Amino acid sequence: MRTLILTFLLCLFLVGCSDVVTRDYKTYNDAVSDELFGRGWLPELIPSSSFNIKTSNNLDVNTSEGEFSFLPGDTQAFVSKLHPYSGRKSPYVEYDKVVKRRIAQGYTPYEYTKDSSIWVFFLNADKGHTYYDLWHERKGSQQEAGADRG
């Protein structure tokens, strides 16, 4: 009986272990203070009016996903720093389905790259809301980061 209980507790511990770190920031300045941008999870080019910033960073595979809102009046300045989404291959399983779902929800996909980091921003200008995904381009290998998101 004792072995069964120890095995059960070990399983619970292992299931509970995760290298996904989720953070919430009320404002852009809160994110700056926590060095969110300095650590590379989001680029500083997001609008400074951004609020309700949520990030989920998977440290195992070096990916991130999240969302934030901003003042709709900042849309044009934000979009001017982005490029239309190229449809590039992502490490996420069936990412094309995520893209199609976001478009059906009224979001427009854009991308931004810096060094080996690739962000895809799904922007709804009317709502002043964005979902995003981040991954790092790897030369010669393709990682499988996860399937169903957003």
N, C-alpha and C. Protein backbone atom coordinates (compact mmCIF):
# COMPACT_ATOMS: atom_id res chain seq x y z
N MET A 1 0.82 -1.20 0.00
CA MET A 1 0.00 0.00 0.00
C MET A 1 0.87 1.26 0.00
N ARG A 2 1.92 1.24 0.80
CA ARG A 2 2.81 2.40 0.88
C ARG A 2 3.45 2.68 -0.48
N THR A 3 3.85 1.63 -1.20
CA THR A 3 4.46 1.79 -2.53
C THR A 3 3.46 2.41 -3.49
N LEU A 4 2.22 2.01 -3.41
CA LEU A 4 1.18 2.55 -4.27
C LEU A 4 0.99 4.05 -4.02
N ILE A 5 0.96 4.43 -2.75
CA ILE A 5 0.80 5.85 -2.40
C ILE A 5 2.00 6.66 -2.88
N LEU A 6 3.22 6.14 -2.67
CA LEU A 6 4.42 6.85 -3.13
C LEU A 6 4.44 6.98 -4.65
N THR A 7 4.03 5.95 -5.34
CA THR A 7 3.97 5.99 -6.80
C THR A 7 2.96 7.04 -7.25
N PHE A 8 1.82 7.08 -6.62
CA PHE A 8 0.79 8.06 -6.94
C PHE A 8 1.30 9.48 -6.71
N LEU A 9 1.94 9.72 -5.58
CA LEU A 9 2.47 11.05 -5.28
C LEU A 9 3.57 11.45 -6.26
N LEU A 10 4.40 10.51 -6.65
CA LEU A 10 5.44 10.79 -7.63
C LEU A 10 4.83 11.18 -8.97
N CYS A 11 3.79 10.47 -9.38
CA CYS A 11 3.09 10.79 -10.64
C CYS A 11 2.49 12.19 -10.58
N LEU A 12 1.87 12.53 -9.46
CA LEU A 12 1.30 13.87 -9.31
C LEU A 12 2.39 14.93 -9.40
N PHE A 13 3.51 14.68 -8.79
CA PHE A 13 4.63 15.62 -8.83
C PHE A 13 5.12 15.81 -10.25
N LEU A 14 5.31 14.73 -10.98
CA LEU A 14 5.82 14.81 -12.35
C LEU A 14 4.85 15.51 -13.29
N VAL A 15 3.56 15.25 -13.12
CA VAL A 15 2.56 15.91 -13.95
C VAL A 15 2.54 17.40 -13.64
N GLY A 16 2.75 17.76 -12.41
CA GLY A 16 2.72 19.16 -12.00
C GLY A 16 3.95 19.94 -12.40
N CYS A 17 5.02 19.27 -12.79
CA CYS A 17 6.24 19.96 -13.19
C CYS A 17 6.08 20.50 -14.60
N SER A 18 6.35 21.76 -14.76
CA SER A 18 6.24 22.37 -16.08
C SER A 18 7.22 23.50 -16.17
N ASP A 19 7.79 23.65 -17.34
CA ASP A 19 8.67 24.78 -17.57
C ASP A 19 7.97 25.87 -18.34
N VAL A 20 6.65 26.02 -18.12
CA VAL A 20 5.88 27.11 -18.70
C VAL A 20 5.67 28.15 -17.62
N VAL A 21 6.14 29.35 -17.90
CA VAL A 21 6.01 30.45 -16.95
C VAL A 21 4.99 31.43 -17.51
N THR A 22 3.93 31.66 -16.74
CA THR A 22 2.88 32.59 -17.17
C THR A 22 2.95 33.84 -16.30
N ARG A 23 2.88 34.97 -16.98
CA ARG A 23 2.93 36.26 -16.28
C ARG A 23 1.81 37.17 -16.81
N ASP A 24 1.29 37.98 -15.92
CA ASP A 24 0.29 38.98 -16.28
C ASP A 24 0.80 40.35 -15.86
N TYR A 25 0.63 41.32 -16.75
CA TYR A 25 1.04 42.69 -16.48
C TYR A 25 -0.14 43.60 -16.76
N LYS A 26 -0.43 44.47 -15.81
CA LYS A 26 -1.55 45.40 -16.00
C LYS A 26 -1.23 46.44 -17.07
N THR A 27 0.04 46.88 -17.11
CA THR A 27 0.42 47.94 -18.04
C THR A 27 1.74 47.61 -18.73
N TYR A 28 2.01 48.34 -19.79
CA TYR A 28 3.28 48.25 -20.51
C TYR A 28 4.44 48.53 -19.55
N ASN A 29 4.29 49.56 -18.71
CA ASN A 29 5.35 49.91 -17.76
C ASN A 29 5.62 48.81 -16.75
N ASP A 30 4.59 48.07 -16.35
CA ASP A 30 4.80 46.92 -15.47
C ASP A 30 5.65 45.87 -16.17
N ALA A 31 5.39 45.66 -17.46
CA ALA A 31 6.18 44.69 -18.24
C ALA A 31 7.63 45.16 -18.38
N VAL A 32 7.81 46.46 -18.58
CA VAL A 32 9.17 47.02 -18.67
C VAL A 32 9.90 46.81 -17.35
N SER A 33 9.23 47.08 -16.24
CA SER A 33 9.84 46.94 -14.91
C SER A 33 10.27 45.50 -14.63
N ASP A 34 9.54 44.54 -15.16
CA ASP A 34 9.87 43.13 -14.97
C ASP A 34 10.83 42.61 -16.04
N GLU A 35 11.28 43.49 -16.92
CA GLU A 35 12.23 43.17 -17.99
C GLU A 35 11.70 42.14 -18.99
N LEU A 36 10.38 42.16 -19.20
CA LEU A 36 9.78 41.27 -20.19
C LEU A 36 10.41 41.46 -21.57
N PHE A 37 10.59 42.69 -21.97
CA PHE A 37 11.13 42.98 -23.30
C PHE A 37 12.63 42.68 -23.35
N GLY A 38 13.34 42.98 -22.29
CA GLY A 38 14.77 42.70 -22.23
C GLY A 38 15.09 41.22 -22.32
N ARG A 39 14.18 40.39 -21.84
CA ARG A 39 14.38 38.93 -21.93
C ARG A 39 13.95 38.38 -23.28
N GLY A 40 13.36 39.20 -24.13
CA GLY A 40 13.03 38.80 -25.49
C GLY A 40 11.72 38.08 -25.68
N TRP A 41 10.84 38.06 -24.68
CA TRP A 41 9.56 37.37 -24.85
C TRP A 41 8.61 38.17 -25.72
N LEU A 42 8.70 39.46 -25.68
CA LEU A 42 7.94 40.35 -26.56
C LEU A 42 8.89 41.46 -26.99
N PRO A 43 8.73 41.95 -28.23
CA PRO A 43 9.56 43.08 -28.64
C PRO A 43 9.00 44.38 -28.09
N GLU A 44 9.87 45.34 -27.85
CA GLU A 44 9.44 46.62 -27.31
C GLU A 44 8.56 47.41 -28.26
N LEU A 45 8.40 46.96 -29.48
CA LEU A 45 7.62 47.71 -30.45
C LEU A 45 6.13 47.64 -30.23
N ILE A 46 5.66 46.81 -29.28
CA ILE A 46 4.22 46.81 -29.03
C ILE A 46 3.85 48.19 -28.48
N PRO A 47 2.62 48.63 -28.68
CA PRO A 47 2.25 49.98 -28.25
C PRO A 47 2.49 50.21 -26.76
N SER A 48 2.98 51.39 -26.43
CA SER A 48 3.22 51.72 -25.02
C SER A 48 1.91 51.87 -24.26
N SER A 49 0.79 51.95 -24.98
CA SER A 49 -0.52 51.99 -24.32
C SER A 49 -1.02 50.59 -23.98
N SER A 50 -0.22 49.57 -24.26
CA SER A 50 -0.65 48.18 -24.03
C SER A 50 -0.96 47.94 -22.56
N PHE A 51 -1.98 47.12 -22.35
CA PHE A 51 -2.40 46.77 -20.99
C PHE A 51 -2.95 45.35 -21.02
N ASN A 52 -3.18 44.79 -19.85
CA ASN A 52 -3.63 43.39 -19.73
C ASN A 52 -2.75 42.47 -20.58
N ILE A 53 -1.46 42.59 -20.40
CA ILE A 53 -0.48 41.80 -21.14
C ILE A 53 -0.34 40.45 -20.44
N LYS A 54 -0.55 39.39 -21.20
CA LYS A 54 -0.41 38.04 -20.65
C LYS A 54 0.58 37.28 -21.51
N THR A 55 1.56 36.64 -20.87
CA THR A 55 2.54 35.83 -21.59
C THR A 55 2.62 34.45 -20.95
N SER A 56 2.75 33.45 -21.78
CA SER A 56 3.03 32.08 -21.33
C SER A 56 4.27 31.64 -22.08
N ASN A 57 5.36 31.52 -21.35
CA ASN A 57 6.66 31.24 -21.96
C ASN A 57 7.08 29.81 -21.64
N ASN A 58 7.28 29.01 -22.70
CA ASN A 58 7.70 27.63 -22.54
C ASN A 58 9.22 27.60 -22.60
N LEU A 59 9.84 27.43 -21.45
CA LEU A 59 11.29 27.47 -21.36
C LEU A 59 11.95 26.25 -21.98
N ASP A 60 11.23 25.13 -22.05
CA ASP A 60 11.79 23.91 -22.65
C ASP A 60 12.06 24.07 -24.13
N VAL A 61 11.12 24.65 -24.86
CA VAL A 61 11.25 24.76 -26.31
C VAL A 61 11.43 26.20 -26.77
N ASN A 62 11.52 27.13 -25.81
CA ASN A 62 11.80 28.54 -26.10
C ASN A 62 10.74 29.15 -27.01
N THR A 63 9.48 28.96 -26.64
CA THR A 63 8.36 29.56 -27.35
C THR A 63 7.53 30.37 -26.37
N SER A 64 6.69 31.23 -26.91
CA SER A 64 5.82 32.04 -26.07
C SER A 64 4.51 32.27 -26.81
N GLU A 65 3.48 32.45 -26.05
CA GLU A 65 2.19 32.85 -26.61
C GLU A 65 1.52 33.74 -25.58
N GLY A 66 0.63 34.58 -26.06
CA GLY A 66 -0.06 35.46 -25.14
C GLY A 66 -0.98 36.41 -25.85
N GLU A 67 -1.30 37.46 -25.14
CA GLU A 67 -2.21 38.46 -25.69
C GLU A 67 -2.03 39.77 -24.94
N PHE A 68 -2.51 40.83 -25.54
CA PHE A 68 -2.53 42.13 -24.90
C PHE A 68 -3.55 43.02 -25.60
N SER A 69 -3.97 44.04 -24.89
CA SER A 69 -4.87 45.05 -25.45
C SER A 69 -4.11 46.37 -25.50
N PHE A 70 -4.60 47.28 -26.31
CA PHE A 70 -3.98 48.60 -26.45
C PHE A 70 -5.03 49.58 -26.96
N LEU A 71 -4.71 50.86 -26.90
CA LEU A 71 -5.64 51.87 -27.41
C LEU A 71 -5.73 51.73 -28.93
N PRO A 72 -6.95 51.59 -29.49
CA PRO A 72 -7.09 51.42 -30.92
C PRO A 72 -6.42 52.52 -31.75
N GLY A 73 -6.29 53.71 -31.19
CA GLY A 73 -5.63 54.80 -31.90
C GLY A 73 -4.15 54.53 -32.18
N ASP A 74 -3.57 53.54 -31.50
CA ASP A 74 -2.16 53.18 -31.70
C ASP A 74 -1.97 52.10 -32.77
N THR A 75 -3.05 51.68 -33.40
CA THR A 75 -2.98 50.58 -34.36
C THR A 75 -2.04 50.87 -35.51
N GLN A 76 -2.19 52.02 -36.15
CA GLN A 76 -1.39 52.31 -37.35
C GLN A 76 0.10 52.34 -37.04
N ALA A 77 0.49 52.95 -35.94
CA ALA A 77 1.91 53.01 -35.57
C ALA A 77 2.45 51.60 -35.31
N PHE A 78 1.65 50.75 -34.69
CA PHE A 78 2.06 49.38 -34.41
C PHE A 78 2.21 48.59 -35.71
N VAL A 79 1.19 48.63 -36.56
CA VAL A 79 1.20 47.87 -37.80
C VAL A 79 2.33 48.32 -38.72
N SER A 80 2.70 49.59 -38.65
CA SER A 80 3.77 50.08 -39.53
C SER A 80 5.12 49.42 -39.23
N LYS A 81 5.25 48.79 -38.09
CA LYS A 81 6.49 48.12 -37.70
C LYS A 81 6.46 46.62 -38.03
N LEU A 82 5.33 46.14 -38.54
CA LEU A 82 5.14 44.73 -38.81
C LEU A 82 5.07 44.47 -40.31
N HIS A 83 5.08 43.21 -40.68
CA HIS A 83 4.92 42.79 -42.07
C HIS A 83 3.71 41.86 -42.14
N PRO A 84 3.05 41.82 -43.30
CA PRO A 84 1.97 40.83 -43.43
C PRO A 84 2.52 39.43 -43.16
N TYR A 85 1.71 38.59 -42.56
CA TYR A 85 2.14 37.23 -42.25
C TYR A 85 2.49 36.50 -43.53
N SER A 86 3.66 35.88 -43.54
CA SER A 86 4.19 35.22 -44.74
C SER A 86 3.73 33.78 -44.89
N GLY A 87 3.13 33.22 -43.86
CA GLY A 87 2.75 31.81 -43.90
C GLY A 87 3.92 30.88 -43.64
N ARG A 88 5.00 31.44 -43.12
CA ARG A 88 6.20 30.64 -42.86
C ARG A 88 5.90 29.45 -41.98
N LYS A 89 6.72 28.44 -42.12
CA LYS A 89 6.56 27.21 -41.33
C LYS A 89 6.85 27.51 -39.87
N SER A 90 5.98 27.03 -39.02
CA SER A 90 6.16 27.24 -37.58
C SER A 90 6.44 25.90 -36.91
N PRO A 91 6.91 25.93 -35.67
CA PRO A 91 7.15 24.68 -34.95
C PRO A 91 5.88 24.09 -34.35
N TYR A 92 4.77 24.82 -34.43
CA TYR A 92 3.52 24.36 -33.84
C TYR A 92 2.81 23.40 -34.79
N VAL A 93 2.26 22.36 -34.22
CA VAL A 93 1.50 21.38 -34.99
C VAL A 93 0.23 22.06 -35.52
N GLU A 94 -0.02 21.91 -36.81
CA GLU A 94 -1.23 22.43 -37.46
C GLU A 94 -1.43 23.93 -37.20
N TYR A 95 -0.37 24.69 -37.32
CA TYR A 95 -0.46 26.13 -37.07
C TYR A 95 -1.38 26.82 -38.06
N ASP A 96 -1.48 26.28 -39.27
CA ASP A 96 -2.37 26.87 -40.26
C ASP A 96 -3.81 26.92 -39.75
N LYS A 97 -4.21 25.95 -38.93
CA LYS A 97 -5.56 25.96 -38.36
C LYS A 97 -5.72 27.09 -37.35
N VAL A 98 -4.68 27.36 -36.59
CA VAL A 98 -4.71 28.48 -35.64
C VAL A 98 -4.87 29.79 -36.42
N VAL A 99 -4.10 29.94 -37.48
CA VAL A 99 -4.16 31.16 -38.30
C VAL A 99 -5.57 31.33 -38.87
N LYS A 100 -6.13 30.28 -39.45
CA LYS A 100 -7.47 30.36 -40.04
C LYS A 100 -8.52 30.69 -38.99
N ARG A 101 -8.39 30.11 -37.78
CA ARG A 101 -9.35 30.38 -36.72
C ARG A 101 -9.29 31.85 -36.28
N ARG A 102 -8.09 32.37 -36.13
CA ARG A 102 -7.94 33.78 -35.73
C ARG A 102 -8.50 34.71 -36.80
N ILE A 103 -8.25 34.40 -38.06
CA ILE A 103 -8.80 35.23 -39.14
C ILE A 103 -10.33 35.20 -39.09
N ALA A 104 -10.91 34.02 -38.88
CA ALA A 104 -12.37 33.89 -38.78
C ALA A 104 -12.92 34.68 -37.59
N GLN A 105 -12.10 34.89 -36.56
CA GLN A 105 -12.51 35.65 -35.38
C GLN A 105 -12.33 37.16 -35.58
N GLY A 106 -11.85 37.58 -36.76
CA GLY A 106 -11.70 39.00 -37.05
C GLY A 106 -10.31 39.56 -36.81
N TYR A 107 -9.31 38.68 -36.70
CA TYR A 107 -7.94 39.11 -36.47
C TYR A 107 -7.14 39.02 -37.76
N THR A 108 -6.22 39.94 -37.94
CA THR A 108 -5.34 39.96 -39.11
C THR A 108 -3.95 39.54 -38.67
N PRO A 109 -3.34 38.56 -39.35
CA PRO A 109 -2.00 38.11 -38.93
C PRO A 109 -0.88 38.97 -39.54
N TYR A 110 0.06 39.32 -38.68
CA TYR A 110 1.27 40.04 -39.07
C TYR A 110 2.46 39.31 -38.46
N GLU A 111 3.63 39.60 -38.93
CA GLU A 111 4.81 39.01 -38.31
C GLU A 111 5.90 40.06 -38.14
N TYR A 112 6.79 39.72 -37.22
CA TYR A 112 7.95 40.56 -36.93
C TYR A 112 9.10 39.61 -36.61
N THR A 113 10.25 39.86 -37.19
CA THR A 113 11.42 39.04 -36.90
C THR A 113 12.56 39.93 -36.42
N LYS A 114 13.30 39.38 -35.49
CA LYS A 114 14.50 40.02 -34.99
C LYS A 114 15.47 38.91 -34.65
N ASP A 115 16.63 38.95 -35.30
CA ASP A 115 17.61 37.88 -35.17
C ASP A 115 16.92 36.56 -35.52
N SER A 116 16.91 35.58 -34.63
CA SER A 116 16.26 34.30 -34.94
C SER A 116 14.84 34.22 -34.37
N SER A 117 14.36 35.30 -33.74
CA SER A 117 13.03 35.31 -33.13
C SER A 117 11.97 35.70 -34.14
N ILE A 118 10.87 34.96 -34.15
CA ILE A 118 9.75 35.23 -35.03
C ILE A 118 8.49 35.37 -34.18
N TRP A 119 7.85 36.51 -34.30
CA TRP A 119 6.57 36.73 -33.65
C TRP A 119 5.49 36.80 -34.70
N VAL A 120 4.37 36.14 -34.46
CA VAL A 120 3.18 36.33 -35.28
C VAL A 120 2.16 37.01 -34.38
N PHE A 121 1.72 38.18 -34.83
CA PHE A 121 0.73 38.96 -34.09
C PHE A 121 -0.60 38.87 -34.83
N PHE A 122 -1.65 38.50 -34.11
CA PHE A 122 -3.00 38.48 -34.66
C PHE A 122 -3.71 39.70 -34.09
N LEU A 123 -3.96 40.67 -34.93
CA LEU A 123 -4.42 41.98 -34.51
C LEU A 123 -5.87 42.23 -34.90
N ASN A 124 -6.67 42.63 -33.92
CA ASN A 124 -8.03 43.10 -34.19
C ASN A 124 -8.02 44.59 -33.88
N ALA A 125 -7.94 45.40 -34.93
CA ALA A 125 -7.80 46.85 -34.78
C ALA A 125 -9.02 47.47 -34.10
N ASP A 126 -10.22 46.98 -34.41
CA ASP A 126 -11.43 47.54 -33.82
C ASP A 126 -11.47 47.34 -32.31
N LYS A 127 -11.02 46.18 -31.86
CA LYS A 127 -11.01 45.87 -30.43
C LYS A 127 -9.77 46.39 -29.72
N GLY A 128 -8.71 46.72 -30.49
CA GLY A 128 -7.44 47.07 -29.86
C GLY A 128 -6.89 45.88 -29.09
N HIS A 129 -6.91 44.73 -29.74
CA HIS A 129 -6.50 43.49 -29.07
C HIS A 129 -5.61 42.67 -29.99
N THR A 130 -4.62 42.01 -29.40
CA THR A 130 -3.69 41.18 -30.16
C THR A 130 -3.40 39.89 -29.41
N TYR A 131 -3.41 38.78 -30.15
CA TYR A 131 -2.85 37.52 -29.69
C TYR A 131 -1.49 37.40 -30.37
N TYR A 132 -0.56 36.70 -29.74
CA TYR A 132 0.73 36.52 -30.40
C TYR A 132 1.31 35.14 -30.11
N ASP A 133 2.22 34.74 -30.98
CA ASP A 133 3.03 33.52 -30.82
C ASP A 133 4.46 33.89 -31.14
N LEU A 134 5.38 33.29 -30.42
CA LEU A 134 6.82 33.49 -30.64
C LEU A 134 7.50 32.15 -30.75
N TRP A 135 8.40 32.04 -31.69
CA TRP A 135 9.29 30.89 -31.75
C TRP A 135 10.61 31.36 -32.31
N HIS A 136 11.59 30.51 -32.24
CA HIS A 136 12.92 30.82 -32.75
C HIS A 136 13.22 29.92 -33.92
N GLU A 137 13.68 30.53 -34.98
CA GLU A 137 14.04 29.77 -36.16
C GLU A 137 15.30 28.98 -35.87
N ARG A 138 15.22 27.71 -36.13
CA ARG A 138 16.36 26.83 -35.89
C ARG A 138 16.87 26.32 -37.21
N LYS A 139 18.14 26.44 -37.40
CA LYS A 139 18.76 25.97 -38.63
C LYS A 139 18.85 24.45 -38.59
N GLY A 140 18.25 23.79 -39.58
CA GLY A 140 18.40 22.34 -39.73
C GLY A 140 17.54 21.46 -38.86
N SER A 141 16.70 22.03 -38.00
CA SER A 141 15.84 21.17 -37.19
C SER A 141 14.49 21.83 -37.02
N GLN A 142 13.48 21.03 -36.85
CA GLN A 142 12.13 21.53 -36.65
C GLN A 142 11.63 21.00 -35.31
N GLN A 143 11.23 21.88 -34.41
CA GLN A 143 10.76 21.47 -33.11
C GLN A 143 9.23 21.40 -33.14
N GLU A 144 8.70 20.51 -32.35
CA GLU A 144 7.25 20.40 -32.21
C GLU A 144 6.88 21.00 -30.87
N ALA A 145 6.28 22.18 -30.89
CA ALA A 145 6.04 22.91 -29.66
C ALA A 145 4.68 22.63 -29.02
N GLY A 146 3.71 22.28 -29.76
CA GLY A 146 2.40 22.07 -29.19
C GLY A 146 1.34 22.28 -30.24
N ALA A 147 0.20 21.70 -30.03
CA ALA A 147 -0.79 21.68 -31.10
C ALA A 147 -1.88 22.73 -30.95
N ASP A 148 -2.68 22.61 -29.95
CA ASP A 148 -3.89 23.39 -29.90
C ASP A 148 -3.71 24.60 -29.01
N ARG A 149 -3.81 25.76 -29.60
CA ARG A 149 -3.68 26.98 -28.84
C ARG A 149 -4.76 27.95 -29.29
N GLY A 150 -5.08 28.84 -28.38
CA GLY A 150 -5.96 29.95 -28.68
C GLY A 150 -7.25 29.57 -29.21
